[in-house]
């Protein structure tokens, strides 16, 4: 997606923040959130300079999905 392309272009010259669409936190299952976060961390985390987060306000997010996002960072965020 766009985050992978941004990482490819910018490399380690600039940090990236975001990558989680608010709709994912609203409609997905916790497992889908974990899988998405894992892939995003794998793609954008290499070399550092990446902070996973929601792209905009996530007022309608399911609490279980917010927890899944936090847990995914703890589980997959070491690189």
N, C-alpha and C. Protein backbone atom coordinates (compact mmCIF):
# COMPACT_ATOMS: atom_id res chain seq x y z
N UNK A 1 0.79 -1.18 0.00
CA UNK A 1 0.00 0.00 0.00
C UNK A 1 0.85 1.26 0.00
N UNK A 2 0.24 2.33 0.36
CA UNK A 2 0.90 3.63 0.35
C UNK A 2 2.03 3.71 1.36
N UNK A 3 1.87 3.08 2.52
CA UNK A 3 2.93 3.12 3.54
C UNK A 3 4.17 2.38 3.05
N UNK A 4 3.99 1.25 2.39
CA UNK A 4 5.12 0.51 1.85
C UNK A 4 5.85 1.34 0.80
N UNK A 5 5.09 2.01 -0.03
CA UNK A 5 5.70 2.87 -1.06
C UNK A 5 6.44 4.04 -0.42
N UNK A 6 5.84 4.64 0.60
CA UNK A 6 6.51 5.75 1.30
C UNK A 6 7.82 5.28 1.91
N UNK A 7 7.81 4.10 2.54
CA UNK A 7 9.04 3.57 3.15
C UNK A 7 10.09 3.31 2.07
N UNK A 8 9.65 2.79 0.94
CA UNK A 8 10.57 2.51 -0.17
C UNK A 8 11.21 3.80 -0.67
N UNK A 9 10.44 4.84 -0.81
CA UNK A 9 10.95 6.11 -1.33
C UNK A 9 11.81 6.83 -0.30
N UNK A 10 11.33 6.91 0.94
CA UNK A 10 12.00 7.70 1.97
C UNK A 10 13.10 6.96 2.70
N UNK A 11 13.01 5.64 2.72
CA UNK A 11 14.02 4.86 3.44
C UNK A 11 14.13 5.33 4.88
N UNK A 12 15.35 5.61 5.31
CA UNK A 12 15.59 6.06 6.68
C UNK A 12 15.79 7.57 6.76
N UNK A 13 15.43 8.29 5.71
CA UNK A 13 15.60 9.75 5.70
C UNK A 13 14.50 10.49 6.43
N UNK A 14 13.39 9.81 6.68
CA UNK A 14 12.24 10.46 7.29
C UNK A 14 11.44 9.41 8.05
N UNK A 15 10.91 9.77 9.20
CA UNK A 15 10.07 8.85 9.95
C UNK A 15 8.66 8.78 9.38
N UNK A 16 8.03 7.65 9.58
CA UNK A 16 6.64 7.44 9.16
C UNK A 16 5.77 7.22 10.38
N UNK A 17 4.60 7.80 10.37
CA UNK A 17 3.64 7.64 11.46
C UNK A 17 2.28 7.30 10.86
N UNK A 18 1.62 6.32 11.42
CA UNK A 18 0.26 5.99 10.98
C UNK A 18 0.17 4.61 10.39
N UNK A 19 -0.66 4.50 9.36
CA UNK A 19 -0.81 3.26 8.63
C UNK A 19 -2.05 2.46 8.95
N UNK A 20 -2.71 2.76 10.07
CA UNK A 20 -3.90 2.00 10.45
C UNK A 20 -5.15 2.79 10.03
N UNK A 21 -5.92 2.28 9.08
CA UNK A 21 -7.15 2.96 8.68
C UNK A 21 -8.19 2.89 9.80
N UNK A 22 -8.86 3.97 10.12
CA UNK A 22 -9.88 3.94 11.17
C UNK A 22 -10.96 2.88 10.92
N UNK A 23 -11.31 2.65 9.66
CA UNK A 23 -12.33 1.64 9.34
C UNK A 23 -11.92 0.25 9.80
N UNK A 24 -10.63 -0.04 9.76
CA UNK A 24 -10.14 -1.34 10.23
C UNK A 24 -10.49 -1.54 11.69
N UNK A 25 -10.29 -0.51 12.49
CA UNK A 25 -10.57 -0.61 13.92
C UNK A 25 -12.07 -0.66 14.20
N UNK A 26 -12.86 -0.21 13.24
CA UNK A 26 -14.32 -0.19 13.41
C UNK A 26 -14.97 -1.52 13.00
N UNK A 27 -14.51 -2.12 11.89
CA UNK A 27 -15.25 -3.26 11.34
C UNK A 27 -14.51 -4.59 11.36
N UNK A 28 -13.22 -4.58 11.52
CA UNK A 28 -12.45 -5.83 11.45
C UNK A 28 -12.55 -6.61 12.76
N UNK A 29 -12.07 -7.84 12.70
CA UNK A 29 -11.95 -8.65 13.91
C UNK A 29 -10.61 -8.33 14.56
N UNK A 30 -10.45 -8.63 15.85
CA UNK A 30 -9.15 -8.44 16.49
C UNK A 30 -8.02 -9.18 15.77
N UNK A 31 -8.30 -10.37 15.24
CA UNK A 31 -7.27 -11.13 14.52
C UNK A 31 -6.87 -10.41 13.23
N UNK A 32 -7.84 -9.84 12.54
CA UNK A 32 -7.54 -9.08 11.32
C UNK A 32 -6.70 -7.85 11.64
N UNK A 33 -6.99 -7.20 12.75
CA UNK A 33 -6.19 -6.04 13.18
C UNK A 33 -4.76 -6.49 13.47
N UNK A 34 -4.61 -7.60 14.19
CA UNK A 34 -3.27 -8.12 14.49
C UNK A 34 -2.51 -8.43 13.21
N UNK A 35 -3.16 -9.12 12.28
CA UNK A 35 -2.51 -9.47 11.02
C UNK A 35 -2.09 -8.23 10.24
N UNK A 36 -2.96 -7.23 10.17
CA UNK A 36 -2.66 -5.99 9.46
C UNK A 36 -1.47 -5.29 10.10
N UNK A 37 -1.49 -5.18 11.42
CA UNK A 37 -0.40 -4.51 12.14
C UNK A 37 0.92 -5.26 11.95
N UNK A 38 0.86 -6.57 12.03
CA UNK A 38 2.07 -7.39 11.84
C UNK A 38 2.69 -7.11 10.47
N UNK A 39 1.87 -7.13 9.43
CA UNK A 39 2.37 -6.87 8.07
C UNK A 39 2.92 -5.45 7.93
N UNK A 40 2.23 -4.49 8.54
CA UNK A 40 2.66 -3.10 8.46
C UNK A 40 4.00 -2.90 9.17
N UNK A 41 4.14 -3.49 10.33
CA UNK A 41 5.40 -3.40 11.08
C UNK A 41 6.53 -4.06 10.29
N UNK A 42 6.24 -5.21 9.70
CA UNK A 42 7.26 -5.91 8.91
C UNK A 42 7.70 -5.06 7.71
N UNK A 43 6.74 -4.41 7.07
CA UNK A 43 7.03 -3.60 5.88
C UNK A 43 7.71 -2.28 6.21
N UNK A 44 7.23 -1.58 7.23
CA UNK A 44 7.69 -0.22 7.50
C UNK A 44 8.69 -0.11 8.65
N UNK A 45 8.82 -1.15 9.44
CA UNK A 45 9.66 -1.06 10.63
C UNK A 45 11.14 -1.28 10.40
N UNK A 46 11.49 -1.94 9.31
CA UNK A 46 12.90 -2.24 9.06
C UNK A 46 13.71 -0.96 9.01
N UNK A 47 14.77 -0.92 9.77
CA UNK A 47 15.63 0.26 9.80
C UNK A 47 15.17 1.34 10.76
N UNK A 48 14.03 1.11 11.42
CA UNK A 48 13.53 2.09 12.39
C UNK A 48 12.76 3.21 11.72
N UNK A 49 12.42 4.20 12.51
CA UNK A 49 11.73 5.38 12.00
C UNK A 49 10.26 5.17 11.70
N UNK A 50 9.63 4.20 12.37
CA UNK A 50 8.21 3.95 12.13
C UNK A 50 7.45 3.93 13.45
N UNK A 51 6.35 4.70 13.49
CA UNK A 51 5.44 4.70 14.64
C UNK A 51 4.06 4.30 14.15
N UNK A 52 3.63 3.11 14.49
CA UNK A 52 2.32 2.63 14.09
C UNK A 52 1.23 3.41 14.80
N UNK A 53 0.21 3.80 14.07
CA UNK A 53 -0.89 4.52 14.67
C UNK A 53 -2.04 4.62 13.69
N UNK A 54 -3.13 5.18 14.16
CA UNK A 54 -4.32 5.36 13.34
C UNK A 54 -4.13 6.61 12.47
N UNK A 55 -4.60 6.53 11.23
CA UNK A 55 -4.42 7.63 10.29
C UNK A 55 -5.21 8.88 10.65
N UNK A 56 -6.29 8.71 11.38
CA UNK A 56 -7.11 9.85 11.81
C UNK A 56 -7.94 9.40 13.00
N UNK A 57 -8.90 10.20 13.37
CA UNK A 57 -9.73 9.89 14.53
C UNK A 57 -10.40 8.53 14.38
N UNK A 58 -10.38 7.77 15.45
CA UNK A 58 -10.98 6.43 15.45
C UNK A 58 -12.08 6.36 16.51
N UNK A 59 -12.96 7.35 16.50
CA UNK A 59 -14.01 7.43 17.51
C UNK A 59 -14.92 6.21 17.55
N UNK A 60 -15.13 5.56 16.40
CA UNK A 60 -16.03 4.42 16.32
C UNK A 60 -15.31 3.08 16.47
N UNK A 61 -14.06 3.10 16.87
CA UNK A 61 -13.28 1.87 16.98
C UNK A 61 -13.85 0.96 18.05
N UNK A 62 -13.81 -0.34 17.77
CA UNK A 62 -14.19 -1.33 18.77
C UNK A 62 -13.07 -1.38 19.81
N UNK A 63 -13.39 -1.33 21.09
CA UNK A 63 -12.35 -1.41 22.12
C UNK A 63 -11.46 -2.65 21.97
N UNK A 64 -12.03 -3.77 21.57
CA UNK A 64 -11.23 -4.99 21.39
C UNK A 64 -10.21 -4.82 20.27
N UNK A 65 -10.54 -4.02 19.26
CA UNK A 65 -9.60 -3.80 18.16
C UNK A 65 -8.50 -2.82 18.54
N UNK A 66 -8.82 -1.85 19.37
CA UNK A 66 -7.77 -0.96 19.88
C UNK A 66 -6.80 -1.77 20.72
N UNK A 67 -7.32 -2.66 21.55
CA UNK A 67 -6.46 -3.54 22.37
C UNK A 67 -5.63 -4.43 21.46
N UNK A 68 -6.22 -4.95 20.39
CA UNK A 68 -5.49 -5.81 19.45
C UNK A 68 -4.36 -5.04 18.78
N UNK A 69 -4.57 -3.76 18.47
CA UNK A 69 -3.52 -2.94 17.87
C UNK A 69 -2.37 -2.74 18.86
N UNK A 70 -2.70 -2.44 20.10
CA UNK A 70 -1.67 -2.26 21.14
C UNK A 70 -0.90 -3.55 21.35
N UNK A 71 -1.63 -4.66 21.46
CA UNK A 71 -0.98 -5.95 21.67
C UNK A 71 -0.11 -6.34 20.49
N UNK A 72 -0.54 -5.99 19.27
CA UNK A 72 0.25 -6.30 18.08
C UNK A 72 1.58 -5.57 18.10
N UNK A 73 1.57 -4.33 18.55
CA UNK A 73 2.83 -3.58 18.64
C UNK A 73 3.76 -4.25 19.65
N UNK A 74 3.21 -4.66 20.78
CA UNK A 74 4.03 -5.34 21.79
C UNK A 74 4.56 -6.67 21.26
N UNK A 75 3.75 -7.37 20.49
CA UNK A 75 4.12 -8.70 20.00
C UNK A 75 5.04 -8.65 18.79
N UNK A 76 4.78 -7.74 17.86
CA UNK A 76 5.50 -7.73 16.58
C UNK A 76 6.41 -6.51 16.41
N UNK A 77 6.42 -5.61 17.37
CA UNK A 77 7.11 -4.34 17.20
C UNK A 77 8.59 -4.33 17.51
N UNK A 78 9.17 -5.48 17.68
CA UNK A 78 10.62 -5.55 17.90
C UNK A 78 11.29 -5.97 16.60
N UNK A 79 12.18 -5.14 16.11
CA UNK A 79 12.85 -5.48 14.85
C UNK A 79 14.29 -5.03 14.90
